[in-house]
Structures are given as C-alpha cells and as structure tokens.
Amino acid sequence: MTPAASPRGRGPAAGHLSIGQVLARLAPEFPELSASKLRYLEVQGIVTPVRTDSGYRKFSPSDLERLRTTLTMQRDYGIPLARIREHLDSGAGDGAVPTSIIAATRRYRRDELLSASGASATLLTDAVSAGLISAADSYDERALALLRSLVALDAHGIQPRHLRTLRQAAERDVALVESALAPLLRRPDAAGRARAHELAPELVRRLDDLRTAFVQTALDRLSP
C-alpha cells in the first residue's frame, strides 16, 4: 500500500487537533511520542491529517484513535507497522487487538519451541551453533518456522552445519539491498527512510525470485 498524501486546502472541522494537542492527549500513555514520530506515522499511512491554508496539520478524532491503537499495538505486542495499517484499514480498528495478530507475535520458551517444532534439543543447539537461530530466552514464530524446516531437512541428512552458506548468502543479499537503498537511507527526512523500508522487502522478493529460478534450472539438469 502506498501511503496517501495528506489533503490540503481544506479547512479542518471542529474538533480537529494540532500536533501539539495530539501529543498532549497521548503523552500520558506514550511519553516517548514525538512530533517526528507523528510525521513518520503520517508518511506510513496510519493517519491522514488535513492541512490548513497555512500548511499546518490538523488531526481528526479518528486519527487520534488510529494513533492510540497503533502505539498500543507497537508497545504491547511489537506488531510491525505494516500489519497494524492493514488491521486499521480493514475497518476493524475499534481499539481491540485481534487475537490473530497477537498469536502471530507469540513467544515460545525453549521447551515450547522444541515441542511445537518436533525438534530435538541437539538440533536446536546445532542450529544456534551454525548461526541459523539466535540463542534467546524465548523465540518468535519465525524461529519456529525455521526450526520446523530444519527438522524436515534433518530427516534427509541435511544438518544445520550444511546450511551456513545459506545464512551467509542472506546476509549478502541484505548488504546488496542496503547498498542499493543507501541514497534514500541517507536522506534526513522521514519520507526518504520510509520509502527505503517500503522498497526493501520488494527488492528481497526479486532476489528470491532469481534464486528460485536458478535452483529450478539446476534441478532441471538432474532430470533424465
């Protein structure tokens, strides 16, 4: 989704708030909130304040509630901003965080991770030693999915130590994307950095498409 530009040239209706007023309303709940954070959330499409003729932002009561919901979901559950925006734009933004989103941010203790993935303690230890999974007190859904894949590969004799090159290739991909987006990342404005974060997943997907094509070509050579 491309964040919408703020409307201009309209007089704000009664009840609209300035940035300072929004900060005053939300500061008791979110003391770290700043004007720059509000502008970043605008760039990300969380809110679309109207502008006065002088160019000042004015936030509606709906904007205020979207901000409160967004900040709560980030603070309490660590939910990515893109998922929060999808939730708000779906029309379900009534202040309640859906259980489906909470479940996606669940954390697993070591024993829970092993039970949910079907992995042995040795396999998890080997995965940590190979740098495929970071050692932690608790693990997220991404670690669970990765460990399940390792279980399936281990059944065919492909062990974590064999997969170090995959991790290294992923790190090279990230470095390549970071280099490509460096001009945007160096920009001092929030819009430039937001655009870089928006483009990064797309570039990674393109690299994945190429890798898949290369692997398929190699597999074709194995066919009789």
Protein backbone atom coordinates (compact mmCIF):
# COMPACT_ATOMS: atom_id res chain seq x y z
CA MET A 1 0.00 0.00 0.00
CA THR A 2 1.33 3.45 -0.88
CA PRO A 3 0.66 5.86 1.97
CA ALA A 4 -1.75 8.58 0.92
CA ALA A 5 -0.73 12.17 0.78
CA SER A 6 -2.36 14.49 3.30
CA PRO A 7 -5.26 16.53 1.95
CA ARG A 8 -4.53 20.19 1.52
CA GLY A 9 -6.57 23.26 1.04
CA ARG A 10 -9.47 22.19 3.27
CA GLY A 11 -10.43 23.92 6.46
CA PRO A 12 -10.33 21.43 9.34
CA ALA A 13 -13.63 20.70 11.00
CA ALA A 14 -14.36 21.46 14.63
CA GLY A 15 -12.65 19.05 16.98
CA HIS A 16 -9.50 18.66 14.90
CA LEU A 17 -6.24 18.84 16.82
CA SER A 18 -2.82 20.27 16.14
CA ILE A 19 0.33 18.17 16.55
CA GLY A 20 0.91 19.77 19.95
CA GLN A 21 -2.62 18.94 21.08
CA VAL A 22 -2.28 15.33 19.88
CA LEU A 23 0.98 14.99 21.81
CA ALA A 24 -0.69 16.42 24.91
CA ARG A 25 -3.56 13.92 24.63
CA LEU A 26 -1.32 10.88 24.10
CA ALA A 27 1.72 11.77 26.23
CA PRO A 28 0.31 10.26 29.46
CA GLU A 29 0.05 6.85 27.73
CA PHE A 30 3.03 7.18 25.40
CA PRO A 31 5.64 9.51 26.95
CA GLU A 32 8.21 8.73 24.22
CA LEU A 33 5.92 10.01 21.44
CA SER A 34 7.35 12.95 19.50
CA ALA A 35 6.31 15.24 16.65
CA SER A 36 8.75 13.46 14.32
CA LYS A 37 7.15 10.11 15.18
CA LEU A 38 3.72 11.54 14.33
CA ARG A 39 5.01 12.75 10.97
CA TYR A 40 6.54 9.32 10.32
CA LEU A 41 3.21 7.62 11.07
CA GLU A 42 1.58 10.00 8.62
CA VAL A 43 4.09 9.04 5.92
CA GLN A 44 3.31 5.38 6.65
CA GLY A 45 -0.39 5.93 6.05
CA ILE A 46 -1.52 5.40 9.64
CA VAL A 47 -3.18 8.83 9.71
CA THR A 48 -4.07 11.41 7.06
CA PRO A 49 -4.39 14.78 8.78
CA VAL A 50 -5.90 17.64 6.82
CA ARG A 51 -3.90 20.81 6.28
CA THR A 52 -4.87 24.37 6.99
CA ASP A 53 -4.31 27.05 4.35
CA SER A 54 -1.05 27.77 6.15
CA GLY A 55 0.03 24.14 5.84
CA TYR A 56 -0.41 23.11 9.47
CA ARG A 57 -1.54 19.57 10.17
CA LYS A 58 -4.89 19.02 11.88
CA PHE A 59 -5.80 15.58 13.21
CA SER A 60 -9.37 14.31 13.40
CA PRO A 61 -10.81 12.27 16.32
CA SER A 62 -10.49 9.23 14.03
CA ASP A 63 -6.79 10.00 13.50
CA LEU A 64 -6.35 10.20 17.26
CA GLU A 65 -7.89 6.77 17.80
CA ARG A 66 -5.83 5.25 14.99
CA LEU A 67 -2.71 6.66 16.62
CA ARG A 68 -3.70 5.31 20.05
CA THR A 69 -4.39 1.85 18.60
CA THR A 70 -1.13 1.87 16.60
CA LEU A 71 1.03 2.91 19.52
CA THR A 72 -0.62 0.37 21.82
CA MET A 73 -0.07 -2.47 19.34
CA GLN A 74 3.55 -1.49 18.86
CA ARG A 75 4.28 -1.08 22.56
CA ASP A 76 2.40 -4.07 23.99
CA TYR A 77 2.81 -6.62 21.21
CA GLY A 78 5.66 -5.42 18.97
CA ILE A 79 3.45 -5.75 15.91
CA PRO A 80 5.00 -4.47 12.65
CA LEU A 81 3.60 -1.21 11.35
CA ALA A 82 2.50 -2.72 8.03
CA ARG A 83 0.28 -5.25 9.82
CA ILE A 84 -1.15 -2.54 12.05
CA ARG A 85 -2.04 -0.46 8.99
CA GLU A 86 -3.73 -3.48 7.38
CA HIS A 87 -5.75 -4.02 10.55
CA LEU A 88 -6.82 -0.37 10.72
CA ASP A 89 -7.68 -0.17 7.03
CA SER A 90 -9.78 -3.32 7.26
CA GLY A 91 -12.30 -1.36 9.31
CA ALA A 92 -11.61 -3.42 12.42
CA GLY A 93 -9.73 -0.67 14.20
CA ASP A 94 -12.06 -0.39 17.19
CA GLY A 95 -9.24 -0.32 19.69
CA ALA A 96 -9.24 -4.06 20.34
CA VAL A 97 -6.22 -6.03 19.15
CA PRO A 98 -7.41 -9.15 17.26
CA THR A 99 -6.28 -12.48 18.62
CA SER A 100 -4.97 -13.47 15.19
CA ILE A 101 -2.39 -10.68 15.33
CA ILE A 102 -1.47 -11.44 18.93
CA ALA A 103 -0.99 -15.10 18.04
CA ALA A 104 1.39 -14.10 15.25
CA THR A 105 3.59 -12.35 17.83
CA ARG A 106 3.58 -15.20 20.36
CA ARG A 107 6.83 -16.05 22.10
CA TYR A 108 7.95 -19.62 22.87
CA ARG A 109 10.15 -20.84 25.68
CA ARG A 110 12.84 -23.32 24.67
CA ASP A 111 10.79 -26.34 25.73
CA GLU A 112 7.69 -24.96 23.97
CA LEU A 113 9.70 -24.34 20.81
CA LEU A 114 11.02 -27.91 20.78
CA SER A 115 7.55 -29.33 21.39
CA ALA A 116 5.85 -27.18 18.71
CA SER A 117 8.52 -27.87 16.08
CA GLY A 118 9.18 -31.54 16.81
CA ALA A 119 12.89 -30.79 17.01
CA SER A 120 15.37 -32.43 19.34
CA ALA A 121 17.39 -30.36 21.79
CA THR A 122 20.50 -31.34 19.83
CA LEU A 123 19.09 -29.99 16.58
CA LEU A 124 18.25 -26.65 18.18
CA THR A 125 21.72 -26.46 19.73
CA ASP A 126 23.29 -27.21 16.34
CA ALA A 127 21.12 -24.55 14.69
CA VAL A 128 22.26 -21.98 17.23
CA SER A 129 25.91 -23.04 16.78
CA ALA A 130 25.57 -22.67 13.00
CA GLY A 131 24.15 -19.17 13.41
CA LEU A 132 20.79 -20.12 11.92
CA ILE A 133 18.84 -19.28 15.08
CA SER A 134 19.92 -16.80 17.74
CA ALA A 135 20.10 -18.09 21.30
CA ALA A 136 17.41 -16.44 23.41
CA ASP A 137 15.20 -16.86 26.45
CA SER A 138 12.18 -17.01 24.16
CA TYR A 139 11.58 -17.43 20.44
CA ASP A 140 9.13 -16.00 17.92
CA GLU A 141 7.06 -17.54 15.13
CA ARG A 142 9.89 -17.04 12.63
CA ALA A 143 12.22 -19.17 14.74
CA LEU A 144 9.51 -21.83 14.99
CA ALA A 145 9.02 -21.93 11.21
CA LEU A 146 12.77 -22.09 10.65
CA LEU A 147 13.20 -24.92 13.14
CA ARG A 148 10.37 -26.90 11.54
CA SER A 149 12.18 -26.60 8.21
CA LEU A 150 15.38 -27.79 9.83
CA VAL A 151 13.53 -30.83 11.21
CA ALA A 152 12.33 -31.73 7.72
CA LEU A 153 15.80 -31.29 6.22
CA ASP A 154 17.47 -33.22 9.02
CA ALA A 155 15.30 -36.22 8.15
CA HIS A 156 17.19 -36.34 4.83
CA GLY A 157 20.61 -35.84 6.32
CA ILE A 158 20.86 -32.09 5.72
CA GLN A 159 22.11 -30.70 9.01
CA PRO A 160 22.38 -27.11 10.28
CA ARG A 161 26.14 -27.04 9.65
CA HIS A 162 25.43 -27.64 5.95
CA LEU A 163 23.28 -24.51 5.80
CA ARG A 164 25.77 -21.88 6.94
CA THR A 165 26.23 -20.80 3.32
CA LEU A 166 22.50 -20.07 3.04
CA ARG A 167 22.69 -17.73 6.02
CA GLN A 168 25.78 -16.07 4.59
CA ALA A 169 24.02 -15.63 1.24
CA ALA A 170 21.08 -13.99 3.02
CA GLU A 171 23.45 -11.56 4.73
CA ARG A 172 24.99 -10.71 1.35
CA ASP A 173 21.51 -10.08 -0.04
CA VAL A 174 20.75 -7.68 2.80
CA ALA A 175 24.05 -5.88 2.21
CA LEU A 176 23.21 -5.59 -1.50
CA VAL A 177 19.75 -4.17 -0.78
CA GLU A 178 21.16 -1.79 1.82
CA SER A 179 23.71 -0.54 -0.70
CA ALA A 180 21.01 -0.03 -3.34
CA LEU A 181 18.85 1.95 -0.90
CA ALA A 182 21.71 3.93 0.62
CA PRO A 183 20.71 7.23 -1.09
CA LEU A 184 17.24 7.01 0.49
CA LEU A 185 18.57 5.87 3.88
CA ARG A 186 20.95 8.84 3.98
CA ARG A 187 18.16 11.35 3.45
CA PRO A 188 17.37 13.30 6.63
CA ASP A 189 13.63 13.34 6.04
CA ALA A 190 11.26 10.65 7.31
CA ALA A 191 9.75 10.21 3.84
CA GLY A 192 13.06 9.03 2.38
CA ARG A 193 13.66 6.48 5.11
CA ALA A 194 10.04 5.31 4.92
CA ARG A 195 10.40 4.79 1.16
CA ALA A 196 13.57 2.75 1.74
CA HIS A 197 11.78 0.49 4.24
CA GLU A 198 8.93 0.09 1.78
CA LEU A 199 11.24 -0.88 -1.10
CA ALA A 200 13.48 -3.27 0.85
CA PRO A 201 11.01 -6.21 1.00
CA GLU A 202 10.27 -5.82 -2.72
CA LEU A 203 13.96 -5.99 -3.62
CA VAL A 204 14.40 -9.03 -1.40
CA ARG A 205 11.45 -10.72 -3.12
CA ARG A 206 13.07 -10.08 -6.50
CA LEU A 207 16.29 -11.68 -5.30
CA ASP A 208 14.28 -14.66 -4.02
CA ASP A 209 12.62 -14.99 -7.44
CA LEU A 210 16.03 -15.11 -9.11
CA ARG A 211 17.33 -17.66 -6.61
CA THR A 212 14.28 -19.86 -7.17
CA ALA A 213 14.78 -19.65 -10.94
CA PHE A 214 18.46 -20.57 -10.64
CA VAL A 215 17.67 -23.56 -8.40
CA GLN A 216 14.96 -24.76 -10.77
CA THR A 217 17.35 -24.54 -13.70
CA ALA A 218 19.90 -26.60 -11.77
CA LEU A 219 17.25 -29.17 -10.85
CA ASP A 220 16.23 -29.49 -14.48
CA ARG A 221 19.71 -30.74 -15.24
CA LEU A 222 19.08 -33.67 -12.89
CA SER A 223 16.08 -34.82 -14.87
CA PRO A 224 16.66 -37.81 -17.20
